[in-house]
N, C-alpha and C. Protein backbone atom coordinates (compact mmCIF):
# COMPACT_ATOMS: atom_id res chain seq x y z
N UNK A 1 -52.60 41.23 22.59
CA UNK A 1 -51.17 41.32 22.79
C UNK A 1 -50.46 41.16 21.44
N UNK A 2 -49.38 41.85 21.24
CA UNK A 2 -48.67 41.81 19.96
C UNK A 2 -47.99 40.46 19.76
N UNK A 3 -48.00 40.01 18.51
CA UNK A 3 -47.40 38.74 18.16
C UNK A 3 -46.23 38.99 17.21
N UNK A 4 -45.17 38.17 17.28
CA UNK A 4 -44.05 38.34 16.36
C UNK A 4 -44.46 37.99 14.93
N UNK A 5 -43.94 38.74 13.97
CA UNK A 5 -44.27 38.49 12.57
C UNK A 5 -43.49 37.31 12.00
N UNK A 6 -42.28 37.07 12.50
CA UNK A 6 -41.45 35.99 11.98
C UNK A 6 -41.00 35.09 13.12
N UNK A 7 -40.71 33.83 12.79
CA UNK A 7 -40.19 32.89 13.76
C UNK A 7 -38.74 33.28 14.10
N UNK A 8 -38.40 33.20 15.38
CA UNK A 8 -37.03 33.51 15.79
C UNK A 8 -36.10 32.40 15.32
N UNK A 9 -35.03 32.78 14.64
CA UNK A 9 -34.12 31.79 14.07
C UNK A 9 -33.32 31.10 15.18
N UNK A 10 -32.76 29.94 14.83
CA UNK A 10 -31.96 29.18 15.80
C UNK A 10 -30.70 29.95 16.18
N UNK A 11 -30.11 30.66 15.23
CA UNK A 11 -28.90 31.43 15.52
C UNK A 11 -29.20 32.56 16.51
N UNK A 12 -30.34 33.19 16.36
CA UNK A 12 -30.70 34.28 17.27
C UNK A 12 -31.02 33.74 18.66
N UNK A 13 -31.67 32.58 18.72
CA UNK A 13 -31.93 31.95 20.01
C UNK A 13 -30.63 31.56 20.70
N UNK A 14 -29.71 30.98 19.93
CA UNK A 14 -28.45 30.51 20.50
C UNK A 14 -27.60 31.68 20.98
N UNK A 15 -27.61 32.78 20.23
CA UNK A 15 -26.80 33.93 20.66
C UNK A 15 -27.37 34.57 21.91
N UNK A 16 -28.67 34.46 22.11
CA UNK A 16 -29.28 35.00 23.32
C UNK A 16 -28.96 34.12 24.52
N UNK A 17 -28.85 32.81 24.29
CA UNK A 17 -28.55 31.89 25.38
C UNK A 17 -27.06 31.72 25.63
N UNK A 18 -26.21 32.41 24.88
CA UNK A 18 -24.77 32.19 24.97
C UNK A 18 -24.18 32.68 26.29
N UNK A 19 -24.87 33.57 27.01
CA UNK A 19 -24.32 34.12 28.24
C UNK A 19 -24.79 33.40 29.48
N UNK A 20 -25.45 32.26 29.34
CA UNK A 20 -25.90 31.49 30.48
C UNK A 20 -24.85 30.48 30.87
N UNK A 21 -23.76 30.94 31.45
CA UNK A 21 -22.71 30.03 31.84
C UNK A 21 -22.36 30.22 33.31
N UNK A 22 -21.87 29.19 33.90
CA UNK A 22 -21.47 29.23 35.30
C UNK A 22 -20.08 29.84 35.41
N UNK A 23 -19.84 30.55 36.50
CA UNK A 23 -18.51 31.10 36.74
C UNK A 23 -17.89 30.38 37.92
N UNK A 24 -16.59 30.20 37.86
CA UNK A 24 -15.85 29.54 38.93
C UNK A 24 -15.76 30.49 40.12
N UNK A 25 -16.03 30.04 41.34
CA UNK A 25 -15.93 30.94 42.49
C UNK A 25 -14.49 31.38 42.70
N UNK A 26 -14.31 32.63 43.10
CA UNK A 26 -12.97 33.16 43.35
C UNK A 26 -12.41 32.61 44.64
N UNK A 27 -11.40 31.78 44.55
CA UNK A 27 -10.80 31.17 45.72
C UNK A 27 -9.53 31.92 46.11
N UNK A 28 -9.29 32.01 47.42
CA UNK A 28 -8.07 32.61 47.94
C UNK A 28 -7.38 31.57 48.82
N UNK A 29 -6.11 31.80 49.09
CA UNK A 29 -5.34 30.87 49.91
C UNK A 29 -5.49 31.24 51.38
N UNK A 30 -5.75 30.24 52.21
CA UNK A 30 -5.86 30.47 53.65
C UNK A 30 -4.47 30.81 54.20
N UNK A 31 -4.35 31.87 54.99
CA UNK A 31 -3.02 32.22 55.52
C UNK A 31 -2.49 31.23 56.55
N UNK A 32 -3.35 30.42 57.14
CA UNK A 32 -2.91 29.46 58.17
C UNK A 32 -2.48 28.14 57.54
N UNK A 33 -3.41 27.49 56.82
CA UNK A 33 -3.12 26.15 56.30
C UNK A 33 -2.79 26.14 54.82
N UNK A 34 -2.90 27.27 54.14
CA UNK A 34 -2.54 27.43 52.73
C UNK A 34 -3.38 26.56 51.79
N UNK A 35 -4.62 26.29 52.18
CA UNK A 35 -5.54 25.57 51.31
C UNK A 35 -6.53 26.58 50.73
N UNK A 36 -7.13 26.28 49.58
CA UNK A 36 -8.07 27.24 48.98
C UNK A 36 -9.35 27.34 49.80
N UNK A 37 -9.86 28.58 49.91
CA UNK A 37 -11.11 28.83 50.62
C UNK A 37 -11.81 30.00 49.96
N UNK A 38 -13.10 30.17 50.25
CA UNK A 38 -13.84 31.30 49.74
C UNK A 38 -13.48 32.55 50.54
N UNK A 39 -13.39 33.71 49.89
CA UNK A 39 -13.02 34.92 50.63
C UNK A 39 -14.11 35.35 51.60
N UNK A 40 -13.71 35.98 52.69
CA UNK A 40 -14.59 36.51 53.74
C UNK A 40 -15.38 35.41 54.44
N UNK A 41 -14.81 34.21 54.52
CA UNK A 41 -15.47 33.10 55.19
C UNK A 41 -14.46 32.33 56.02
N UNK A 42 -14.96 31.58 56.99
CA UNK A 42 -14.11 30.74 57.83
C UNK A 42 -13.54 29.62 56.97
N UNK A 43 -12.27 29.31 57.19
CA UNK A 43 -11.64 28.22 56.45
C UNK A 43 -12.24 26.90 56.91
N UNK A 44 -12.75 26.08 55.99
CA UNK A 44 -13.35 24.81 56.42
C UNK A 44 -12.33 23.76 56.84
N UNK A 45 -11.05 23.98 56.54
CA UNK A 45 -10.01 23.00 56.85
C UNK A 45 -9.41 23.22 58.23
N UNK A 46 -9.14 24.49 58.58
CA UNK A 46 -8.49 24.75 59.86
C UNK A 46 -9.37 25.52 60.84
N UNK A 47 -10.46 26.15 60.37
CA UNK A 47 -11.37 26.84 61.26
C UNK A 47 -10.96 28.25 61.62
N UNK A 48 -9.99 28.81 60.91
CA UNK A 48 -9.52 30.17 61.21
C UNK A 48 -10.20 31.19 60.32
N UNK A 49 -10.38 32.39 60.85
CA UNK A 49 -10.86 33.53 60.10
C UNK A 49 -10.13 34.76 60.61
N UNK A 50 -9.38 35.42 59.76
CA UNK A 50 -8.62 36.62 60.11
C UNK A 50 -7.72 36.42 61.33
N UNK A 51 -6.83 35.45 61.26
CA UNK A 51 -5.83 35.18 62.30
C UNK A 51 -6.45 34.83 63.64
N UNK A 52 -7.68 34.33 63.65
CA UNK A 52 -8.35 33.95 64.89
C UNK A 52 -9.07 32.63 64.68
N UNK A 53 -8.98 31.73 65.64
CA UNK A 53 -9.66 30.44 65.51
C UNK A 53 -11.13 30.64 65.88
N UNK A 54 -12.02 30.36 64.94
CA UNK A 54 -13.45 30.55 65.14
C UNK A 54 -14.13 29.21 65.37
N UNK A 55 -13.72 28.19 64.63
CA UNK A 55 -14.28 26.85 64.76
C UNK A 55 -13.20 25.88 65.21
N UNK A 56 -13.63 24.90 66.00
CA UNK A 56 -12.70 23.83 66.38
C UNK A 56 -12.89 22.69 65.40
N UNK A 57 -11.89 22.41 64.60
CA UNK A 57 -11.92 21.33 63.63
C UNK A 57 -11.14 20.16 64.19
N UNK A 58 -11.80 19.00 64.21
CA UNK A 58 -11.13 17.82 64.76
C UNK A 58 -10.30 17.11 63.70
């Protein structure tokens, strides 16, 4: 198997690892309770999804 001729520098290693970052999930406002929720999912606060109650939240 082929071997590298030179050691990879720290700058080259760091620039390769520079894109390993977490992204914040895109939150939308619930139309019922106006709290942030993930899109295309049931609201965990009020239990509504698309103007319909899906879960009963106590």
